[in-house]
Each structure stands twice: as structure tokens, then as C-alpha cells.
């Protein structure tokens, strides 16, 4: 009988301690994901801009610029899918909100990249205007997310 009582007391204690550990682990994982995600978004923003600048200075050929932009586009699409899946597992509304903001930034960076790819092919003013629109939107959101002033 004493063993039964001990197990009845011990099992809930183990469950609570495991849940607490899991919650702390999840909290650290989501913080880490947010940190790496913000760095990825910032670096992708810089990459797209540098590729565009280098191409306009005729240092990269159109094919080289397209290849590099398409690589960034591929990373953005894969990362968006992963972050979207994480929103289902967020431990708080704040985490979920951060992930949704990251997705919004990825959408702007995707628009920026696609607009530059179109501009390289067309040299149309509308395409460069779209590039600038997405570039500005992305920077506004990135600087807010990372608290850059």
C-alpha cells in the first residue's frame, strides 16, 4: 500500500517537473529561433540590396545576379514554410506574433527579390518601383523587429 501511495505522489511530481523542463526548453528554442530568424532576415535584406547594387554597377552579369537572387528566393520560401509551421507550436501569443511578423518580412523580401529579377529582365520602371516599395517595407519591419534606430 505504501508503494502505491508513493507512486501516486511521485508520478504527478515527475509530470510537473518534466512539463516545466519542456516549457523552459521550448522557451529557449523559440527565443533562439527568433534570434536566428531576425539575423537571417537582416542578412537577406543586405544580400538582395548588395546584389542589386553590384549588378547596376556592371560587376555582376545579369545571369550571375539572377542566380544569386534566386538562391535568396529559395531560402526565403523554405524559411517561410518552416516559420509558418512553428506558429502552430508557439508557447505564447507574443512568440506567435513575432513569427507572423517574420513571415510578413519574408513576403516583402520575396517581393523585393522577384521585382529585381523582373527589372533585370525588363528594365521597366514599374519593376524598379515595386522593388523600392518592397525594400522600404522590409526595412521598416526589420528595423522594428530588431529595434534598430
Protein backbone atom coordinates (compact mmCIF):
# COMPACT_ATOMS: atom_id res chain seq x y z
CA UNK A 1 0.00 0.00 0.00
CA UNK A 2 2.82 2.43 0.83
CA UNK A 3 4.36 1.75 -2.61
CA UNK A 4 1.06 2.57 -4.28
CA UNK A 5 0.76 5.87 -2.42
CA UNK A 6 4.37 6.70 -3.24
CA UNK A 7 3.72 6.15 -6.96
CA UNK A 8 0.51 8.18 -6.83
CA UNK A 9 2.52 11.09 -5.38
CA UNK A 10 5.66 10.55 -7.46
CA UNK A 11 4.01 10.34 -10.91
CA UNK A 12 2.36 13.80 -10.74
CA UNK A 13 5.62 15.28 -9.41
CA UNK A 14 7.56 13.78 -12.31
CA UNK A 15 4.96 15.00 -14.79
CA UNK A 16 5.11 18.54 -13.40
CA UNK A 17 8.90 18.61 -13.43
CA UNK A 18 9.04 17.25 -16.98
CA UNK A 19 6.43 19.76 -18.14
CA UNK A 20 8.37 22.57 -16.53
CA UNK A 21 11.57 21.46 -18.22
CA UNK A 22 9.81 21.14 -21.55
CA UNK A 23 8.35 24.62 -21.17
CA UNK A 24 11.77 26.14 -20.39
CA UNK A 25 13.31 24.24 -23.29
CA UNK A 26 10.56 25.43 -25.63
CA UNK A 27 11.01 28.99 -24.40
CA UNK A 28 14.75 28.86 -25.14
CA UNK A 29 14.16 27.22 -28.52
CA UNK A 30 11.64 29.85 -29.57
CA UNK A 31 13.94 32.63 -28.38
CA UNK A 32 16.81 31.07 -30.35
CA UNK A 33 14.62 30.68 -33.43
CA UNK A 34 13.57 34.31 -33.20
CA UNK A 35 17.16 35.45 -32.81
CA UNK A 36 18.44 33.40 -35.76
CA UNK A 37 15.38 34.37 -37.78
CA UNK A 38 15.94 38.08 -37.24
CA UNK A 39 19.61 37.71 -38.25
CA UNK A 40 18.55 35.76 -41.36
CA UNK A 41 16.07 38.47 -42.36
CA UNK A 42 18.60 41.25 -41.82
CA UNK A 43 21.29 39.41 -43.79
CA UNK A 44 18.88 38.54 -46.61
CA UNK A 45 17.85 42.19 -46.84
CA UNK A 46 21.52 43.16 -47.15
CA UNK A 47 22.22 40.41 -49.68
CA UNK A 48 19.41 41.45 -52.00
CA UNK A 49 20.48 45.10 -51.87
CA UNK A 50 24.16 44.29 -52.44
CA UNK A 51 23.38 42.03 -55.38
CA UNK A 52 21.19 44.75 -56.92
CA UNK A 53 23.86 47.42 -56.35
CA UNK A 54 26.67 45.27 -57.73
CA UNK A 55 24.59 44.36 -60.79
CA UNK A 56 23.74 48.01 -61.51
CA UNK A 57 27.49 48.78 -61.42
CA UNK A 58 28.03 46.07 -64.08
CA UNK A 59 30.21 43.98 -61.77
CA UNK A 60 27.83 41.01 -61.90
CA UNK A 61 26.40 39.80 -65.17
CA UNK A 62 22.61 39.56 -65.37
CA UNK A 63 22.92 35.76 -65.15
CA UNK A 64 25.11 35.93 -62.04
CA UNK A 65 22.75 38.39 -60.36
CA UNK A 66 19.73 36.25 -61.24
CA UNK A 67 21.42 33.14 -59.87
CA UNK A 68 22.25 34.81 -56.55
CA UNK A 69 18.80 36.36 -56.26
CA UNK A 70 17.16 33.01 -56.98
CA UNK A 71 19.26 31.40 -54.25
CA UNK A 72 17.99 34.02 -51.78
CA UNK A 73 14.45 33.44 -53.04
CA UNK A 74 14.78 29.70 -52.42
CA UNK A 75 15.99 30.29 -48.84
CA UNK A 76 13.11 32.70 -48.23
CA UNK A 77 10.47 30.26 -49.47
CA UNK A 78 11.84 27.36 -47.42
CA UNK A 79 12.22 29.51 -44.30
CA UNK A 80 8.71 30.91 -44.66
CA UNK A 81 7.27 27.40 -44.70
CA UNK A 82 9.25 26.40 -41.59
CA UNK A 83 8.31 29.52 -39.63
CA UNK A 84 4.65 29.15 -40.65
CA UNK A 85 4.68 25.63 -39.20
CA UNK A 86 6.20 26.96 -35.96
CA UNK A 87 3.27 29.33 -35.44
CA UNK A 88 1.18 26.26 -34.56
CA UNK A 89 3.54 25.48 -31.66
CA UNK A 90 4.19 28.91 -30.22
CA UNK A 91 4.27 28.97 -26.45
CA UNK A 92 2.82 32.45 -26.22
CA UNK A 93 0.87 34.96 -28.27
CA UNK A 94 3.99 37.13 -28.32
CA UNK A 95 6.01 34.31 -29.95
CA UNK A 96 3.25 33.70 -32.46
CA UNK A 97 3.08 37.42 -33.25
CA UNK A 98 6.85 37.55 -33.77
CA UNK A 99 6.74 34.60 -36.14
CA UNK A 100 3.88 36.14 -38.10
CA UNK A 101 5.84 39.40 -38.37
CA UNK A 102 8.85 37.42 -39.62
CA UNK A 103 6.61 35.84 -42.27
CA UNK A 104 5.41 39.29 -43.32
CA UNK A 105 9.03 40.41 -43.70
CA UNK A 106 9.82 37.30 -45.74
CA UNK A 107 6.90 38.17 -48.01
CA UNK A 108 8.33 41.68 -48.52
CA UNK A 109 11.81 40.30 -49.17
CA UNK A 110 10.33 37.84 -51.66
CA UNK A 111 8.52 40.71 -53.41
CA UNK A 112 11.75 42.72 -53.43
CA UNK A 113 13.70 39.82 -54.95
CA UNK A 114 11.06 38.99 -57.54
CA UNK A 115 10.81 42.66 -58.54
CA UNK A 116 14.58 42.90 -59.02
CA UNK A 117 14.53 39.71 -61.12
CA UNK A 118 11.82 41.25 -63.28
CA UNK A 119 13.74 44.51 -63.54
CA UNK A 120 16.91 42.73 -64.67
CA UNK A 121 14.90 41.14 -67.48
CA UNK A 122 12.70 44.12 -68.43
CA UNK A 123 14.41 47.33 -67.25
CA UNK A 124 10.84 48.61 -66.74
CA UNK A 125 10.30 51.50 -64.33
CA UNK A 126 7.34 49.72 -62.74
CA UNK A 127 9.57 46.79 -61.72
CA UNK A 128 12.17 49.02 -60.05
CA UNK A 129 9.37 50.97 -58.35
CA UNK A 130 7.99 47.69 -56.96
CA UNK A 131 11.50 46.72 -55.81
CA UNK A 132 11.82 50.02 -53.92
CA UNK A 133 8.37 49.65 -52.36
CA UNK A 134 9.14 46.15 -51.02
CA UNK A 135 12.65 47.20 -49.96
CA UNK A 136 11.30 50.08 -47.85
CA UNK A 137 8.53 47.95 -46.34
CA UNK A 138 11.01 45.22 -45.44
CA UNK A 139 13.43 47.66 -43.81
CA UNK A 140 10.68 49.31 -41.75
CA UNK A 141 9.62 45.92 -40.38
CA UNK A 142 13.16 44.58 -39.86
CA UNK A 143 14.27 47.70 -38.00
CA UNK A 144 11.18 47.48 -35.79
CA UNK A 145 11.66 43.74 -35.15
CA UNK A 146 15.33 44.22 -34.26
CA UNK A 147 14.83 47.59 -32.55
CA UNK A 148 17.28 49.32 -34.90
CA UNK A 149 17.12 53.10 -34.75
